[in-house]
Structures are given as C-alpha cells and as structure tokens.
Amino acid sequence: MIFSISLFGLIIALIIRLISISNNSLESGLDKIAKSIDDASRMIGRRPSTTYFRIIIPQIKLSILAGFFLVLVDTMKELPITLLLRPFNFNTLATSLYEYSSDELFELGALHAFTIIIFLSVAIYFFDSFLEKKIVLKDKK
C-alpha cells in the first residue's frame, strides 16, 4: 500500500505504461541498421561494446531523441495513472487542470493548460529544429 500511494509508485507505473512508446521508437531505429555492420565489426576484431558505442548509437541517435520526446509529451499529459497513484498533496499540471475543470473553475485552470501547451510547443520546436539541422548536415555531405 505504501508503494502504491507514493512518488516511487507513480514513477514505476509511468515507466511501465510508457516503456512501449520508447521501445517502439528504438526498434524502428534498430531495424534500419543492417546486421552485416555488426558482423563486419566483429570480423575485424572489435569488441561488442566498441561496436555499440561507435557505430550503432550514432546511427540511432535520432530514434533515441524521438523516443525521449514522445515519452515526454505523454508524461506531461498523463492523467489517469497520476490521479490514481499520486502521493497526498502532490499535483501535476494535468491533475491541477483536471481538478479546476471538474469544479468548473476554468479561469483558474487556464494557466495550467497554457503551461502544458507552451512546454510541449517548445519541446516540439527544439525537436523540429534538431531534425532540420540533421537534414541540412546530411545534404551538405
């Protein structure tokens, strides 16, 4: 019972719920890498850890970043798990917005909604600008 109504329980529940999103993003990035790259690296005597850090991670960096932003967006707007498992006197932006809107205090909840929208817009802007830089660098090569 103590774990279910604590910050630790909330974090574990969010990890379990959102791990599939990040896993799908990583799998799509790893599917683009040919198995022959890994085999060729082992044939020339490289250790698996060297292959992983020098070859595989730089190729899936964009998928890792996409998975991070997808999880960030879903965490910001996650409401059901947070309502059920939050500790006492602990509110996130989504739970505060829910409480204000259920009490029909829309003007008080507007700041919370606006904060969520601005935060997610900034995150999307940075991700988009990173993608554009990546594409421009590829075109110059």
Protein backbone atom coordinates (compact mmCIF):
# COMPACT_ATOMS: atom_id res chain seq x y z
CA MET A 1 0.00 0.00 0.00
CA ILE A 2 2.82 2.39 0.80
CA PHE A 3 4.36 1.97 -2.65
CA SER A 4 1.08 2.49 -4.45
CA ILE A 5 0.49 5.96 -2.98
CA SER A 6 3.99 7.36 -3.29
CA LEU A 7 6.14 9.13 -5.83
CA PHE A 8 8.06 5.88 -6.34
CA GLY A 9 4.87 4.01 -7.23
CA LEU A 10 3.84 6.78 -9.62
CA ILE A 11 7.21 6.69 -11.39
CA ILE A 12 7.13 2.88 -11.71
CA ALA A 13 3.57 3.00 -13.11
CA LEU A 14 4.55 5.66 -15.65
CA ILE A 15 7.61 3.64 -16.69
CA ILE A 16 5.51 0.54 -17.22
CA ARG A 17 2.90 2.46 -19.19
CA LEU A 18 5.31 4.43 -21.38
CA ILE A 19 8.06 1.88 -21.99
CA SER A 20 6.30 0.57 -25.08
CA ILE A 21 6.46 4.00 -26.74
CA SER A 22 10.21 4.32 -26.27
CA ASN A 23 10.74 0.66 -27.16
CA ASN A 24 8.89 1.05 -30.47
CA SER A 25 10.98 4.11 -31.32
CA LEU A 26 14.24 2.27 -30.62
CA GLU A 27 13.13 -0.81 -32.55
CA SER A 28 12.34 1.27 -35.62
CA GLY A 29 15.81 2.82 -35.44
CA LEU A 30 17.50 -0.54 -34.98
CA ASP A 31 15.57 -2.06 -37.89
CA LYS A 32 17.29 0.41 -40.23
CA ILE A 33 20.75 -0.89 -39.30
CA ALA A 34 21.89 -3.90 -41.27
CA LYS A 35 23.10 -6.94 -39.32
CA SER A 36 26.12 -7.08 -41.60
CA ILE A 37 27.54 -3.94 -39.94
CA ASP A 38 27.67 -5.71 -36.60
CA ASP A 39 29.15 -8.84 -38.18
CA ALA A 40 31.78 -6.85 -40.08
CA SER A 41 32.82 -5.06 -36.92
CA ARG A 42 33.30 -8.36 -35.10
CA MET A 43 35.22 -9.79 -38.04
CA ILE A 44 37.85 -7.08 -37.79
CA GLY A 45 38.25 -7.72 -34.07
CA ARG A 46 36.18 -5.00 -32.44
CA ARG A 47 34.55 -5.70 -29.13
CA PRO A 48 30.73 -5.62 -28.97
CA SER A 49 30.82 -2.59 -26.66
CA THR A 50 33.01 -0.66 -29.11
CA THR A 51 30.68 -1.57 -31.95
CA TYR A 52 27.70 -0.47 -29.93
CA PHE A 53 29.06 2.91 -28.83
CA ARG A 54 30.91 3.88 -32.03
CA ILE A 55 28.63 2.52 -34.74
CA ILE A 56 25.14 1.66 -33.53
CA ILE A 57 24.37 4.53 -31.13
CA PRO A 58 25.35 7.30 -33.58
CA GLN A 59 23.05 5.75 -36.18
CA ILE A 60 20.06 5.51 -33.84
CA LYS A 61 20.61 8.85 -32.09
CA LEU A 62 17.60 10.34 -33.83
CA SER A 63 15.37 7.42 -32.78
CA ILE A 64 16.53 7.80 -29.17
CA LEU A 65 15.71 11.50 -29.26
CA ALA A 66 12.30 10.83 -30.85
CA GLY A 67 11.51 8.26 -28.17
CA PHE A 68 12.53 10.73 -25.47
CA PHE A 69 10.23 13.44 -26.83
CA LEU A 70 7.32 11.03 -27.29
CA VAL A 71 7.65 9.89 -23.68
CA LEU A 72 7.99 13.49 -22.53
CA VAL A 73 4.79 14.51 -24.29
CA ASP A 74 2.83 11.54 -22.96
CA THR A 75 4.15 12.09 -19.43
CA MET A 76 3.05 15.73 -19.48
CA LYS A 77 -0.50 14.85 -20.44
CA GLU A 78 -0.85 11.59 -18.50
CA LEU A 79 -3.82 11.88 -16.17
CA PRO A 80 -5.37 8.54 -15.12
CA ILE A 81 -2.26 6.99 -13.55
CA THR A 82 -1.33 10.26 -11.88
CA LEU A 83 -4.81 10.65 -10.40
CA LEU A 84 -4.81 7.12 -9.02
CA LEU A 85 -1.27 6.83 -7.70
CA ARG A 86 -0.20 10.33 -6.75
CA PRO A 87 1.03 10.97 -3.22
CA PHE A 88 -1.04 13.16 -0.93
CA ASN A 89 -0.71 16.90 -1.64
CA PHE A 90 1.13 16.22 -4.90
CA ASN A 91 -0.36 17.67 -8.07
CA THR A 92 1.00 17.75 -11.56
CA LEU A 93 -0.15 20.25 -14.16
CA ALA A 94 -2.59 17.70 -15.60
CA THR A 95 -4.13 16.84 -12.23
CA SER A 96 -4.46 20.51 -11.24
CA LEU A 97 -6.12 21.25 -14.57
CA TYR A 98 -8.49 18.32 -14.05
CA GLU A 99 -9.44 19.50 -10.56
CA TYR A 100 -10.11 23.06 -11.71
CA SER A 101 -12.14 21.98 -14.71
CA SER A 102 -14.18 19.46 -12.70
CA ASP A 103 -15.04 22.27 -10.27
CA GLU A 104 -15.89 24.46 -13.28
CA LEU A 105 -13.16 26.97 -12.40
CA PHE A 106 -11.95 27.26 -15.96
CA GLU A 107 -10.25 30.62 -15.48
CA LEU A 108 -8.01 29.16 -12.75
CA GLY A 109 -7.19 26.11 -14.83
CA ALA A 110 -6.33 28.17 -17.90
CA LEU A 111 -2.80 28.88 -16.64
CA HIS A 112 -2.12 25.17 -16.18
CA ALA A 113 -3.45 24.36 -19.65
CA PHE A 114 -1.44 27.21 -21.14
CA THR A 115 1.71 25.98 -19.38
CA ILE A 116 1.24 22.46 -20.78
CA ILE A 117 0.68 23.83 -24.29
CA ILE A 118 3.71 26.16 -24.14
CA PHE A 119 6.01 23.49 -22.71
CA LEU A 120 5.03 20.93 -25.32
CA SER A 121 5.27 23.52 -28.11
CA VAL A 122 8.81 24.41 -27.05
CA ALA A 123 9.76 20.73 -26.91
CA ILE A 124 8.35 20.14 -30.40
CA TYR A 125 10.14 23.26 -31.70
CA PHE A 126 13.51 22.07 -30.38
CA PHE A 127 12.98 18.59 -31.80
CA ASP A 128 11.99 20.03 -35.18
CA SER A 129 15.00 22.37 -35.26
CA PHE A 130 17.27 19.44 -34.39
CA LEU A 131 15.76 17.44 -37.25
CA GLU A 132 16.28 20.32 -39.67
CA LYS A 133 19.94 20.67 -38.64
CA LYS A 134 20.42 16.94 -39.10
CA ILE A 135 18.86 17.04 -42.57
CA VAL A 136 20.89 20.11 -43.60
CA LEU A 137 24.11 18.43 -42.47
CA LYS A 138 23.25 15.30 -44.48
CA ASP A 139 22.53 17.39 -47.59
CA LYS A 140 25.90 19.18 -47.32
CA LYS A 141 27.76 15.87 -47.24
